[in-house]
Amino acid sequence: MATPKYETKTEWTAGQIRDAILSGRIPPGGRIRIQDWSKRLAVSATPIREALKALEAEGYVHISAHRGAEVTAFSSKEVSDSYKIQLALDSLAVEFASQRLTGSRKAATIRRLRAINDELRESLEGGDTRKAEKLNLDFHKSIYEAADSPLLSKAKGPIWGGVPVAGQVFWEDVVSENRIRELCEEHDGIIDAIEASDRQAAIRLTRQHLDSGIQHLVKRDTGVGSANGSKAGVRNREKSGV
């Protein structure tokens, strides 16, 4: 199992474990044993430990002294709340970005956002959901960076890891239902609003973008808005071998 040259060993290891969580191969509450993963990935214990710390910071796992690392388990209410809080934070980030970006910094940010969105579109058209999810995160992280608010960036960390299982199903459904054009056009609208320094439009389009994603997850029965959907969705993915 070769480590890609563009990633550190820790980043690659974290990606392998993250994929296992996102696909449901490790269910919520499942243990992640360092020795097992060290053998599976043919790496030492050190990058496994470092990867787990990174995944804990992202919200994917919880590490305790007695039980070690476990995949974070979320109730459907917590999943729903996570999306609502993310919506509020992302709206604030795009508002700050629209107000604070000027001159060459604005031009560079707009170029970066358009480049990421173009690559995201290509990844989705090629069915590469793992790369698409990373690019989507890069897109929204770039907006947070443009917001120039360390406090806001710090606040988003625990929230962005709050719905890992639903997230992967979402990207697979974007490809299977051909929502690629719609999703990337939503990003284009947000970019245009930031470029025009149109704060109100940027907020409105960001809220619409996240709302459409939430409604898509509800429709696909991934657990959002359903009292038992989260656990049922995981069980269904386990049965299907995803």
Protein backbone atom coordinates (compact mmCIF):
# COMPACT_ATOMS: atom_id res chain seq x y z
CA MET A 1 0.00 0.00 0.00
CA ALA A 2 1.96 3.01 -1.28
CA THR A 3 1.92 6.41 0.42
CA PRO A 4 1.21 9.23 -2.08
CA LYS A 5 4.19 11.58 -2.43
CA TYR A 6 2.12 14.72 -1.92
CA GLU A 7 0.98 13.63 1.56
CA THR A 8 2.92 13.09 4.76
CA LYS A 9 2.68 9.65 6.32
CA THR A 10 0.43 11.05 9.05
CA GLU A 11 -1.87 12.75 6.51
CA TRP A 12 -2.09 9.57 4.45
CA THR A 13 -2.79 7.48 7.56
CA ALA A 14 -5.46 9.92 8.71
CA GLY A 15 -7.02 9.71 5.24
CA GLN A 16 -7.19 5.91 5.38
CA ILE A 17 -8.88 5.91 8.79
CA ARG A 18 -11.17 8.78 7.80
CA ASP A 19 -12.28 6.84 4.72
CA ALA A 20 -13.11 3.84 6.91
CA ILE A 21 -15.24 6.07 9.14
CA LEU A 22 -16.93 7.87 6.26
CA SER A 23 -17.80 4.63 4.50
CA GLY A 24 -19.28 3.15 7.69
CA ARG A 25 -16.70 0.35 7.88
CA ILE A 26 -16.00 1.62 11.40
CA PRO A 27 -19.42 2.45 12.87
CA PRO A 28 -20.12 5.20 15.42
CA GLY A 29 -18.72 4.05 18.77
CA GLY A 30 -16.34 1.60 17.06
CA ARG A 31 -12.85 1.20 18.53
CA ILE A 32 -9.76 2.15 16.52
CA ARG A 33 -6.87 0.06 17.82
CA ILE A 34 -3.41 1.40 17.07
CA GLN A 35 -1.79 -2.04 16.78
CA ASP A 36 -4.42 -3.28 14.31
CA TRP A 37 -4.12 -0.22 12.08
CA SER A 38 -0.35 -0.29 12.27
CA LYS A 39 -0.37 -3.81 10.80
CA ARG A 40 -3.08 -3.01 8.27
CA LEU A 41 -1.33 0.07 6.89
CA ALA A 42 2.23 -1.19 7.38
CA VAL A 43 3.27 1.90 9.33
CA SER A 44 4.61 2.39 12.84
CA ALA A 45 2.42 3.35 15.78
CA THR A 46 3.61 6.98 15.69
CA PRO A 47 1.74 8.13 12.53
CA ILE A 48 -1.34 6.24 13.75
CA ARG A 49 -1.30 8.17 17.03
CA GLU A 50 -0.69 11.47 15.22
CA ALA A 51 -3.47 10.68 12.73
CA LEU A 52 -5.91 9.93 15.55
CA LYS A 53 -5.09 13.23 17.23
CA ALA A 54 -5.78 15.04 13.95
CA LEU A 55 -9.05 13.14 13.50
CA GLU A 56 -10.05 14.01 17.06
CA ALA A 57 -9.47 17.70 16.28
CA GLU A 58 -11.73 17.29 13.23
CA GLY A 59 -14.42 15.67 15.37
CA TYR A 60 -14.27 12.20 13.80
CA VAL A 61 -12.96 10.35 16.87
CA HIS A 62 -12.91 10.65 20.63
CA ILE A 63 -9.80 9.60 22.56
CA SER A 64 -9.96 8.63 26.22
CA ALA A 65 -7.30 7.29 28.58
CA HIS A 66 -9.20 4.08 29.34
CA ARG A 67 -10.80 3.12 26.01
CA GLY A 68 -8.42 4.67 23.51
CA ALA A 69 -9.85 6.03 20.24
CA GLU A 70 -13.48 5.54 19.29
CA VAL A 71 -15.48 6.87 16.35
CA THR A 72 -17.65 9.72 17.53
CA ALA A 73 -21.29 8.73 17.79
CA PHE A 74 -23.90 11.38 17.00
CA SER A 75 -27.64 11.27 17.58
CA SER A 76 -29.88 12.53 14.77
CA LYS A 77 -30.56 15.63 16.88
CA GLU A 78 -26.82 16.32 17.17
CA VAL A 79 -26.39 15.87 13.43
CA SER A 80 -29.22 18.30 12.73
CA ASP A 81 -27.87 20.79 15.28
CA SER A 82 -24.38 20.52 13.75
CA TYR A 83 -25.70 21.53 10.34
CA LYS A 84 -27.66 24.45 11.79
CA ILE A 85 -24.62 25.73 13.67
CA GLN A 86 -22.46 25.25 10.57
CA LEU A 87 -24.98 27.28 8.60
CA ALA A 88 -24.68 30.15 11.08
CA LEU A 89 -20.87 30.03 11.14
CA ASP A 90 -20.50 29.74 7.35
CA SER A 91 -22.90 32.65 6.87
CA LEU A 92 -20.80 34.76 9.21
CA ALA A 93 -17.59 33.71 7.44
CA VAL A 94 -18.89 34.74 4.01
CA GLU A 95 -20.18 38.02 5.45
CA PHE A 96 -16.75 38.85 6.89
CA ALA A 97 -15.02 37.81 3.65
CA SER A 98 -17.31 40.05 1.60
CA GLN A 99 -16.56 43.01 3.86
CA ARG A 100 -12.86 42.52 4.51
CA LEU A 101 -11.36 41.36 1.22
CA THR A 102 -9.79 44.15 -0.80
CA GLY A 103 -7.19 44.73 -3.49
CA SER A 104 -4.69 42.02 -4.39
CA ARG A 105 -5.79 39.81 -1.50
CA LYS A 106 -9.32 39.80 -2.84
CA ALA A 107 -8.15 39.01 -6.38
CA ALA A 108 -5.98 36.13 -5.15
CA THR A 109 -8.82 34.70 -3.04
CA ILE A 110 -11.28 34.85 -5.93
CA ARG A 111 -8.80 33.10 -8.23
CA ARG A 112 -8.24 30.39 -5.62
CA LEU A 113 -11.97 29.83 -5.05
CA ARG A 114 -12.66 29.55 -8.78
CA ALA A 115 -9.74 27.14 -9.26
CA ILE A 116 -10.92 24.93 -6.39
CA ASN A 117 -14.48 24.90 -7.71
CA ASP A 118 -13.30 23.98 -11.22
CA GLU A 119 -11.26 21.09 -9.79
CA LEU A 120 -14.22 20.06 -7.62
CA ARG A 121 -16.43 19.88 -10.69
CA GLU A 122 -13.87 17.70 -12.50
CA SER A 123 -13.55 15.39 -9.48
CA LEU A 124 -17.30 14.92 -9.21
CA GLU A 125 -17.65 14.30 -12.92
CA GLY A 126 -14.94 11.66 -12.55
CA GLY A 127 -16.69 10.07 -9.57
CA ASP A 128 -13.83 10.79 -7.13
CA THR A 129 -15.92 11.49 -4.02
CA ARG A 130 -12.98 11.44 -1.61
CA LYS A 131 -11.17 14.16 -3.56
CA ALA A 132 -14.44 16.07 -3.98
CA GLU A 133 -15.04 16.17 -0.24
CA LYS A 134 -11.51 17.46 0.37
CA LEU A 135 -11.88 20.14 -2.31
CA ASN A 136 -15.21 21.22 -0.89
CA LEU A 137 -13.60 21.61 2.51
CA ASP A 138 -10.75 23.56 0.88
CA PHE A 139 -13.33 25.83 -0.73
CA HIS A 140 -15.07 26.67 2.53
CA LYS A 141 -11.79 26.85 4.48
CA SER A 142 -10.59 29.45 1.98
CA ILE A 143 -13.64 31.54 2.77
CA TYR A 144 -12.89 31.27 6.49
CA GLU A 145 -9.31 32.36 5.81
CA ALA A 146 -10.64 35.29 3.80
CA ALA A 147 -12.90 36.22 6.73
CA ASP A 148 -9.71 37.03 8.68
CA SER A 149 -11.18 35.97 12.04
CA PRO A 150 -9.10 33.52 14.12
CA LEU A 151 -11.98 33.21 16.59
CA LEU A 152 -14.41 32.17 13.86
CA SER A 153 -11.92 29.69 12.40
CA LYS A 154 -11.42 28.14 15.82
CA ALA A 155 -15.17 27.84 16.35
CA LYS A 156 -15.74 25.86 13.15
CA GLY A 157 -13.39 22.97 14.03
CA PRO A 158 -15.65 20.77 16.18
CA ILE A 159 -18.68 21.45 13.96
CA TRP A 160 -17.13 20.44 10.64
CA GLY A 161 -16.43 16.94 11.93
CA GLY A 162 -19.95 16.56 13.29
CA VAL A 163 -21.51 14.61 10.45
CA PRO A 164 -18.80 12.38 8.94
CA VAL A 165 -20.94 9.39 7.90
CA ALA A 166 -23.68 11.51 6.36
CA GLY A 167 -21.03 13.53 4.52
CA GLN A 168 -19.69 10.65 2.44
CA VAL A 169 -23.16 9.45 1.51
CA PHE A 170 -23.93 13.02 0.44
CA TRP A 171 -21.01 13.13 -2.02
CA GLU A 172 -21.85 9.73 -3.47
CA ASP A 173 -25.42 10.91 -4.03
CA VAL A 174 -24.24 14.14 -5.68
CA VAL A 175 -22.52 11.99 -8.30
CA SER A 176 -25.26 9.39 -8.68
CA GLU A 177 -28.06 11.95 -8.96
CA ASN A 178 -26.05 14.31 -11.15
CA ARG A 179 -26.30 17.27 -8.76
CA ILE A 180 -22.76 18.24 -9.79
CA ARG A 181 -23.76 21.21 -11.94
CA GLU A 182 -26.18 22.55 -9.33
CA LEU A 183 -23.67 22.32 -6.47
CA CYS A 184 -20.83 23.97 -8.38
CA GLU A 185 -23.13 26.71 -9.67
CA GLU A 186 -24.08 27.44 -6.06
CA HIS A 187 -20.38 27.88 -5.32
CA ASP A 188 -20.03 30.15 -8.38
CA GLY A 189 -22.81 32.36 -7.04
CA ILE A 190 -21.10 32.68 -3.67
CA ILE A 191 -17.81 33.59 -5.35
CA ASP A 192 -19.52 36.24 -7.50
CA ALA A 193 -21.15 37.78 -4.43
CA ILE A 194 -17.84 37.93 -2.54
CA GLU A 195 -16.14 39.46 -5.58
CA ALA A 196 -18.88 42.12 -5.78
CA SER A 197 -18.62 42.75 -1.99
CA ASP A 198 -22.35 42.02 -1.86
CA ARG A 199 -22.67 40.94 1.76
CA GLN A 200 -26.41 40.27 1.68
CA ALA A 201 -26.23 38.17 -1.48
CA ALA A 202 -23.24 36.21 -0.16
CA ILE A 203 -25.13 35.35 3.05
CA ARG A 204 -28.34 34.47 1.21
CA LEU A 205 -26.57 32.23 -1.31
CA THR A 206 -24.52 30.50 1.41
CA ARG A 207 -27.67 29.74 3.40
CA GLN A 208 -29.41 28.42 0.28
CA HIS A 209 -26.35 26.30 -0.53
CA LEU A 210 -26.25 24.66 2.90
CA ASP A 211 -30.03 24.33 3.09
CA SER A 212 -30.05 22.41 -0.21
CA GLY A 213 -27.39 20.06 1.14
CA ILE A 214 -29.33 19.46 4.36
CA GLN A 215 -32.56 18.80 2.47
CA HIS A 216 -30.70 16.41 0.17
CA LEU A 217 -29.49 14.42 3.18
CA VAL A 218 -33.00 14.34 4.64
CA LYS A 219 -34.37 13.03 1.35
CA ARG A 220 -31.71 10.34 1.17
CA ASP A 221 -32.43 9.18 4.75
CA THR A 222 -28.93 9.64 6.12
CA GLY A 223 -30.19 10.46 9.56
CA VAL A 224 -30.82 14.21 9.50
CA GLY A 225 -34.31 15.03 10.66
CA SER A 226 -35.14 11.42 11.57
CA ALA A 227 -35.33 10.14 15.12
CA ASN A 228 -33.76 6.81 14.21
CA GLY A 229 -32.27 7.59 10.81
CA SER A 230 -28.67 7.99 11.88
CA LYS A 231 -28.35 4.49 13.37
CA ALA A 232 -30.48 2.95 10.66
CA GLY A 233 -28.39 4.58 7.95
CA VAL A 234 -25.21 3.14 9.44
CA ARG A 235 -26.76 -0.33 9.73
CA ASN A 236 -27.91 -0.20 6.11
CA ARG A 237 -24.43 0.75 4.92
CA GLU A 238 -22.89 -2.05 6.99
CA LYS A 239 -25.28 -4.57 5.44
CA SER A 240 -24.51 -3.35 1.95
CA GLY A 241 -20.78 -3.65 2.59
CA VAL A 242 -20.06 0.02 1.87
